[in-house]
Amino acid sequence: MKFVTNLSNNPYYNLAFEEYLFKNLPDDEEYVFLWINSPAIIVGKNQNTIEEINQQFVNDKDIKVVRRVTGGGAVYHDFGNLNFSIIKNIEGKEKIDFSVINIPILKALEKFGINAELSGRNDLTVDGKKISGIAQSLHKRKVLNHGTILYDTDLSVLSQALNVKQDKIESKGVKSVKSRVTNIRPYMKEDIDIIEFKEILLKYIFEYLDQPLEEYKLSDEHLENIDKLCKTKYNTWEWNYGQSPDFNWKNYKRFPSGSIDVRLEIKSGIIDNIKIYGDFFGTKDVSELEELLKNTKYEKNEILNKISKIDIVNYLGNITQDDFLELLFSYEE
């Protein structure tokens, strides 16, 4: 096994980095790399992004949202979270086995005084609390195994960023499972910062494998291709939101001028159908507003751009553009 260095904190770049290495590095070697993201929510391949995140909170805190190529639930990353990626070769049609491939991580954590264990299908826990969520993907004769290690993450932000009112969304996307989580820094034998933890963890992994700590150097061509993948896929709305499974959105609110009930059908992140009901008073037919919003990205700025060209009062009575946007996006009761 060899290690690959990645010093980037850009979530879009780092997910592109991971996929590119997974699918393009030589098959005659296995690889491991450790990396740290700036604040980001990483959603599973088969999840509905809108269903997993508190969009308003994410916007306010400038938290990036990125889809990964593996399944499983949404996770929160920040500068206090360390990610590990292991690329291994497989033989035949092996099933995804989380226990064997993650033993080096468990053994490395033991040397820090962290007695973690594999819990359930794909979590690492300490004292019954989750410190790591692990996911895997298969490509040809290789498996990508990656996970988080909550070292010193801001758990208050984690809980708010992934806190969504589920009653307004009907979706076939894979749902995240809520778990009690904890950081491992308080359990460490010696208090060190995450950068030092990252360096020592890598050394412990290779000690357990009884292999020399040898680096695989990426070429300029590799780096150019990673940049390209980042720009054309991971830093796009189409991948991070548009790839979501189809879903429906519904919301209702009473205003002084009357009640409004909206129903949306979203397909590939686009408003495929919209119906607006209520006892509001408008001077224009609300079907004109519905037609205006059909085939629009289900994204706040896109819709704002559309409704800024009309007077919303003419259709829905005495409400503002912000009132209408809250109906389409707000998770509040």
Protein backbone atom coordinates (compact mmCIF):
# COMPACT_ATOMS: atom_id res chain seq x y z
CA MET A 1 0.00 0.00 0.00
CA LYS A 2 1.09 3.58 -0.68
CA PHE A 3 -0.20 6.87 0.65
CA VAL A 4 -1.23 9.86 -1.46
CA THR A 5 -0.91 13.41 -0.16
CA ASN A 6 -3.87 15.79 -0.35
CA LEU A 7 -3.56 19.11 1.50
CA SER A 8 -6.67 20.72 0.01
CA ASN A 9 -9.61 21.76 2.20
CA ASN A 10 -11.91 22.40 -0.77
CA PRO A 11 -14.83 19.89 -0.51
CA TYR A 12 -15.55 19.98 -4.26
CA TYR A 13 -11.91 19.33 -5.12
CA ASN A 14 -11.47 16.66 -2.46
CA LEU A 15 -14.42 14.58 -3.66
CA ALA A 16 -13.13 14.89 -7.23
CA PHE A 17 -9.65 13.91 -5.99
CA GLU A 18 -11.05 10.81 -4.36
CA GLU A 19 -13.11 9.64 -7.34
CA TYR A 20 -10.29 10.25 -9.79
CA LEU A 21 -7.79 8.26 -7.76
CA PHE A 22 -10.33 5.48 -7.24
CA LYS A 23 -10.97 5.06 -10.94
CA ASN A 24 -7.63 5.97 -12.53
CA LEU A 25 -4.61 4.98 -10.44
CA PRO A 26 -2.73 1.78 -11.41
CA ASP A 27 -4.42 -1.45 -10.34
CA ASP A 28 -1.18 -3.08 -9.19
CA GLU A 29 -1.13 -1.05 -5.97
CA GLU A 30 -3.44 -0.14 -3.10
CA TYR A 31 -3.73 3.37 -1.66
CA VAL A 32 -4.68 5.35 1.42
CA PHE A 33 -5.05 9.09 1.92
CA LEU A 34 -6.23 11.34 4.74
CA TRP A 35 -7.92 14.66 4.12
CA ILE A 36 -9.79 17.51 5.81
CA ASN A 37 -12.68 19.55 4.40
CA SER A 38 -13.78 23.05 5.23
CA PRO A 39 -17.40 23.06 6.52
CA ALA A 40 -19.48 20.89 4.18
CA ILE A 41 -22.32 18.41 4.05
CA ILE A 42 -21.50 15.33 2.01
CA VAL A 43 -24.65 13.55 0.84
CA GLY A 44 -24.83 9.93 -0.26
CA LYS A 45 -25.06 8.99 -3.92
CA ASN A 46 -28.72 7.92 -3.66
CA GLN A 47 -30.00 10.68 -1.40
CA ASN A 48 -32.32 13.60 -2.00
CA THR A 49 -30.11 16.57 -1.10
CA ILE A 50 -33.02 18.86 -0.21
CA GLU A 51 -34.38 16.23 2.15
CA GLU A 52 -31.13 15.91 4.07
CA ILE A 53 -30.04 19.47 4.76
CA ASN A 54 -31.29 22.57 6.50
CA GLN A 55 -30.87 24.73 3.40
CA GLN A 56 -31.35 28.10 5.10
CA PHE A 57 -28.83 27.28 7.82
CA VAL A 58 -26.41 25.94 5.22
CA ASN A 59 -26.71 29.15 3.20
CA ASP A 60 -26.29 31.39 6.24
CA LYS A 61 -23.16 29.53 7.39
CA ASP A 62 -21.69 29.15 3.88
CA ILE A 63 -21.54 25.37 4.25
CA LYS A 64 -20.79 23.62 0.97
CA VAL A 65 -22.99 20.74 -0.18
CA VAL A 66 -21.41 17.96 -2.23
CA ARG A 67 -22.65 14.58 -3.42
CA ARG A 68 -20.27 11.60 -3.21
CA VAL A 69 -20.07 8.42 -5.30
CA THR A 70 -20.80 6.06 -2.39
CA GLY A 71 -24.12 5.25 -0.76
CA GLY A 72 -25.18 5.77 2.82
CA GLY A 73 -26.32 8.86 4.68
CA ALA A 74 -25.36 12.52 4.82
CA VAL A 75 -22.42 13.55 7.01
CA TYR A 76 -21.05 16.87 8.18
CA HIS A 77 -17.38 17.77 7.71
CA ASP A 78 -15.39 20.66 9.14
CA PHE A 79 -11.79 21.43 10.09
CA GLY A 80 -12.21 19.25 13.18
CA ASN A 81 -13.10 16.15 11.17
CA LEU A 82 -10.54 13.85 9.54
CA ASN A 83 -11.52 11.77 6.52
CA PHE A 84 -9.81 8.58 5.44
CA SER A 85 -9.99 6.87 2.05
CA ILE A 86 -8.69 3.39 1.31
CA ILE A 87 -8.58 1.96 -2.22
CA LYS A 88 -8.14 -1.81 -2.31
CA ASN A 89 -8.11 -4.45 -5.00
CA ILE A 90 -10.67 -7.25 -4.80
CA GLU A 91 -10.98 -10.68 -6.31
CA GLY A 92 -14.14 -12.05 -7.86
CA LYS A 93 -17.58 -10.77 -6.87
CA GLU A 94 -16.84 -10.07 -3.24
CA LYS A 95 -19.53 -8.49 -1.15
CA ILE A 96 -18.88 -5.18 0.55
CA ASP A 97 -17.18 -6.05 3.85
CA PHE A 98 -16.80 -3.14 6.25
CA SER A 99 -15.14 -5.09 9.05
CA VAL A 100 -11.96 -6.41 7.41
CA ILE A 101 -10.96 -3.36 5.41
CA ASN A 102 -11.26 -0.98 8.40
CA ILE A 103 -9.16 -3.02 10.85
CA PRO A 104 -6.06 -0.83 10.18
CA ILE A 105 -8.07 2.24 11.21
CA LEU A 106 -9.29 0.56 14.40
CA LYS A 107 -5.81 -0.66 15.29
CA ALA A 108 -4.29 2.76 14.61
CA LEU A 109 -6.87 4.40 16.88
CA GLU A 110 -6.01 1.92 19.64
CA LYS A 111 -2.47 3.33 19.75
CA PHE A 112 -3.97 6.71 20.64
CA GLY A 113 -5.92 5.09 23.48
CA ILE A 114 -9.18 5.10 21.50
CA ASN A 115 -11.06 1.81 21.95
CA ALA A 116 -13.37 2.06 18.96
CA GLU A 117 -15.45 -0.75 17.55
CA LEU A 118 -17.37 -1.42 14.37
CA SER A 119 -21.05 -1.06 15.23
CA GLY A 120 -24.02 -2.04 13.14
CA ARG A 121 -23.31 -2.17 9.44
CA ASN A 122 -20.92 0.70 8.88
CA ASP A 123 -20.25 2.86 11.95
CA LEU A 124 -17.31 3.18 14.29
CA THR A 125 -18.33 3.93 17.87
CA VAL A 126 -16.76 4.82 21.23
CA ASP A 127 -18.82 4.23 24.37
CA GLY A 128 -21.84 3.57 22.14
CA LYS A 129 -21.55 6.93 20.37
CA LYS A 130 -20.74 7.29 16.70
CA ILE A 131 -17.32 8.70 15.79
CA SER A 132 -17.23 7.56 12.16
CA GLY A 133 -19.58 6.75 9.33
CA ILE A 134 -18.12 4.52 6.63
CA ALA A 135 -19.26 3.95 3.04
CA GLN A 136 -17.98 1.90 0.11
CA SER A 137 -18.22 1.72 -3.66
CA LEU A 138 -17.08 -0.87 -6.18
CA HIS A 139 -15.48 -0.09 -9.55
CA LYS A 140 -14.23 -2.91 -11.76
CA ARG A 141 -11.84 -4.85 -9.47
CA LYS A 142 -11.42 -2.16 -6.83
CA VAL A 143 -13.26 -0.97 -3.76
CA LEU A 144 -13.27 2.55 -2.33
CA ASN A 145 -13.71 2.51 1.45
CA HIS A 146 -13.95 5.92 3.10
CA GLY A 147 -15.11 7.35 6.37
CA THR A 148 -15.09 10.24 8.79
CA ILE A 149 -13.34 10.53 12.12
CA LEU A 150 -14.97 13.09 14.40
CA TYR A 151 -11.89 14.47 16.12
CA ASP A 152 -12.89 17.96 17.25
CA THR A 153 -15.94 18.79 15.12
CA ASP A 154 -18.43 21.50 16.09
CA LEU A 155 -21.28 19.14 16.96
CA SER A 156 -23.76 22.00 17.43
CA VAL A 157 -23.34 22.97 13.77
CA LEU A 158 -23.57 19.33 12.74
CA SER A 159 -26.95 18.93 14.44
CA GLN A 160 -28.37 22.11 12.91
CA ALA A 161 -27.02 21.60 9.40
CA LEU A 162 -28.62 18.16 9.15
CA ASN A 163 -31.84 19.08 10.96
CA VAL A 164 -34.71 18.94 8.46
CA LYS A 165 -38.49 18.93 8.90
CA GLN A 166 -39.40 15.70 7.11
CA ASP A 167 -43.17 16.14 7.01
CA LYS A 168 -43.16 18.43 3.96
CA ILE A 169 -41.16 16.13 1.66
CA GLU A 170 -42.15 12.84 0.05
CA SER A 171 -39.15 11.16 -1.54
CA LYS A 172 -37.72 7.78 -2.48
CA GLY A 173 -34.21 8.91 -1.60
CA VAL A 174 -32.22 6.93 0.98
CA LYS A 175 -32.78 8.53 4.41
CA SER A 176 -29.99 9.29 6.85
CA VAL A 177 -30.16 7.53 10.20
CA LYS A 178 -29.85 9.78 13.24
CA SER A 179 -27.18 8.65 15.70
CA ARG A 180 -25.63 9.92 18.90
CA VAL A 181 -22.22 11.24 17.99
CA THR A 182 -19.09 12.29 19.84
CA ASN A 183 -15.58 13.59 19.20
CA ILE A 184 -12.57 11.44 20.04
CA ARG A 185 -10.27 14.25 21.20
CA PRO A 186 -11.43 13.96 24.84
CA TYR A 187 -10.55 10.24 24.75
CA MET A 188 -6.97 10.74 23.53
CA LYS A 189 -4.05 9.72 25.75
CA GLU A 190 -2.27 12.91 24.65
CA ASP A 191 -3.96 16.11 23.47
CA ILE A 192 -2.71 17.04 19.99
CA ASP A 193 -4.21 19.09 17.17
CA ILE A 194 -5.86 17.45 14.17
CA ILE A 195 -2.90 17.98 11.84
CA GLU A 196 -0.57 16.09 14.15
CA PHE A 197 -3.26 13.46 14.66
CA LYS A 198 -3.48 13.06 10.88
CA GLU A 199 0.27 12.56 10.50
CA ILE A 200 0.58 10.07 13.35
CA LEU A 201 -2.54 8.13 12.29
CA LEU A 202 -1.04 7.57 8.85
CA LYS A 203 2.17 6.28 10.43
CA TYR A 204 0.22 3.91 12.71
CA ILE A 205 -1.77 2.52 9.76
CA PHE A 206 1.43 1.50 7.97
CA GLU A 207 2.94 0.13 11.17
CA TYR A 208 -0.06 -2.16 11.56
CA LEU A 209 0.22 -3.25 7.92
CA ASP A 210 3.95 -3.85 8.50
CA GLN A 211 4.74 -1.89 5.35
CA PRO A 212 7.09 1.04 4.68
CA LEU A 213 5.51 4.50 4.63
CA GLU A 214 5.82 5.06 0.88
CA GLU A 215 4.16 7.86 -1.10
CA TYR A 216 2.58 7.62 -4.54
CA LYS A 217 3.33 10.89 -6.34
CA LEU A 218 0.63 12.28 -8.59
CA SER A 219 1.70 13.60 -11.99
CA ASP A 220 0.81 17.00 -13.43
CA GLU A 221 -1.62 15.19 -15.72
CA HIS A 222 -3.33 13.60 -12.72
CA LEU A 223 -3.74 16.98 -11.05
CA GLU A 224 -5.08 18.60 -14.22
CA ASN A 225 -7.66 15.83 -14.59
CA ILE A 226 -8.73 16.20 -10.96
CA ASP A 227 -9.22 19.94 -11.48
CA LYS A 228 -11.31 19.22 -14.56
CA LEU A 229 -13.48 16.68 -12.73
CA CYS A 230 -13.98 19.17 -9.90
CA LYS A 231 -15.17 21.92 -12.26
CA THR A 232 -17.35 19.80 -14.55
CA LYS A 233 -18.97 17.56 -11.93
CA TYR A 234 -18.46 18.20 -8.23
CA ASN A 235 -18.80 21.98 -8.32
CA THR A 236 -22.08 21.87 -10.23
CA TRP A 237 -25.71 22.14 -9.15
CA GLU A 238 -26.56 19.33 -11.57
CA TRP A 239 -24.47 16.79 -9.60
CA ASN A 240 -25.06 17.99 -6.06
CA TYR A 241 -28.78 18.74 -6.33
CA GLY A 242 -30.00 17.70 -9.77
CA GLN A 243 -28.98 14.07 -9.27
CA SER A 244 -31.44 13.75 -6.39
CA PRO A 245 -34.25 11.21 -6.70
CA ASP A 246 -37.62 12.65 -7.71
CA PHE A 247 -39.61 14.04 -4.81
CA ASN A 248 -42.69 16.02 -3.87
CA TRP A 249 -42.85 19.14 -1.71
CA LYS A 250 -45.89 20.48 0.09
CA ASN A 251 -46.43 23.42 2.40
CA TYR A 252 -49.28 25.48 3.81
CA LYS A 253 -49.42 28.84 5.54
CA ARG A 254 -52.10 31.31 6.54
CA PHE A 255 -51.46 34.97 5.82
CA PRO A 256 -53.63 37.99 6.77
CA SER A 257 -54.84 38.05 3.17
CA GLY A 258 -55.72 34.34 3.06
CA SER A 259 -54.27 30.84 3.16
CA ILE A 260 -51.93 29.37 0.52
CA ASP A 261 -51.23 25.68 -0.08
CA VAL A 262 -48.43 24.79 -2.53
CA ARG A 263 -47.61 21.36 -4.00
CA LEU A 264 -44.51 20.70 -6.11
CA GLU A 265 -43.33 17.69 -8.08
CA ILE A 266 -39.55 17.80 -8.53
CA LYS A 267 -37.79 15.66 -11.13
CA SER A 268 -33.99 15.75 -11.47
CA GLY A 269 -34.00 18.92 -9.40
CA ILE A 270 -36.42 20.68 -11.78
CA ILE A 271 -40.00 21.75 -11.00
CA ASP A 272 -42.00 19.39 -13.20
CA ASN A 273 -45.39 20.41 -11.85
CA ILE A 274 -46.75 22.97 -9.40
CA LYS A 275 -50.23 23.59 -8.02
CA ILE A 276 -51.24 26.49 -5.77
CA TYR A 277 -54.46 26.34 -3.74
CA GLY A 278 -56.03 28.61 -1.14
CA ASP A 279 -58.62 31.23 -0.26
CA PHE A 280 -56.40 34.18 -1.20
CA PHE A 281 -57.59 36.99 -3.48
CA GLY A 282 -55.59 37.77 -6.61
CA THR A 283 -56.46 39.80 -9.66
CA LYS A 284 -54.71 37.44 -12.09
CA ASP A 285 -55.15 33.72 -12.73
CA VAL A 286 -52.75 31.75 -10.51
CA SER A 287 -52.24 29.24 -13.32
CA GLU A 288 -50.06 31.88 -15.02
CA LEU A 289 -47.73 31.83 -12.00
CA GLU A 290 -47.69 28.02 -12.05
CA GLU A 291 -46.72 27.99 -15.72
CA LEU A 292 -44.00 30.56 -15.06
CA LEU A 293 -42.34 28.31 -12.51
CA LYS A 294 -42.58 25.01 -14.38
CA ASN A 295 -39.23 23.72 -15.72
CA THR A 296 -37.33 25.92 -13.26
CA LYS A 297 -34.53 24.62 -11.04
CA TYR A 298 -35.75 24.03 -7.51
CA GLU A 299 -33.27 26.57 -6.22
CA LYS A 300 -34.10 29.79 -4.40
CA ASN A 301 -32.19 32.24 -6.60
CA GLU A 302 -33.57 30.68 -9.79
CA ILE A 303 -37.14 31.08 -8.57
CA LEU A 304 -36.47 34.57 -7.22
CA ASN A 305 -35.20 35.55 -10.65
CA LYS A 306 -38.50 34.39 -12.18
CA ILE A 307 -40.87 36.02 -9.70
CA SER A 308 -38.90 39.28 -9.66
CA LYS A 309 -40.27 39.90 -13.15
CA ILE A 310 -43.88 39.91 -11.93
CA ASP A 311 -45.92 41.42 -9.12
CA ILE A 312 -46.67 38.48 -6.86
CA VAL A 313 -49.51 40.43 -5.22
CA ASN A 314 -51.51 40.18 -8.45
CA TYR A 315 -51.61 36.39 -8.10
CA LEU A 316 -51.59 35.64 -4.37
CA GLY A 317 -52.90 38.73 -2.64
CA ASN A 318 -51.01 40.83 -0.14
CA ILE A 319 -47.84 38.74 0.35
CA THR A 320 -44.20 39.47 -0.48
CA GLN A 321 -41.69 37.62 -2.64
CA ASP A 322 -39.98 36.44 0.56
CA ASP A 323 -43.28 35.08 1.87
CA PHE A 324 -43.72 33.04 -1.28
CA LEU A 325 -40.13 31.76 -1.21
CA GLU A 326 -40.63 30.61 2.39
CA LEU A 327 -43.60 28.56 1.24
CA LEU A 328 -41.43 26.85 -1.36
CA PHE A 329 -38.37 26.24 0.80
CA SER A 330 -38.91 26.83 4.52
CA TYR A 331 -38.79 23.82 6.86
CA GLU A 332 -40.44 25.65 9.73
CA GLU A 333 -43.83 24.62 10.99
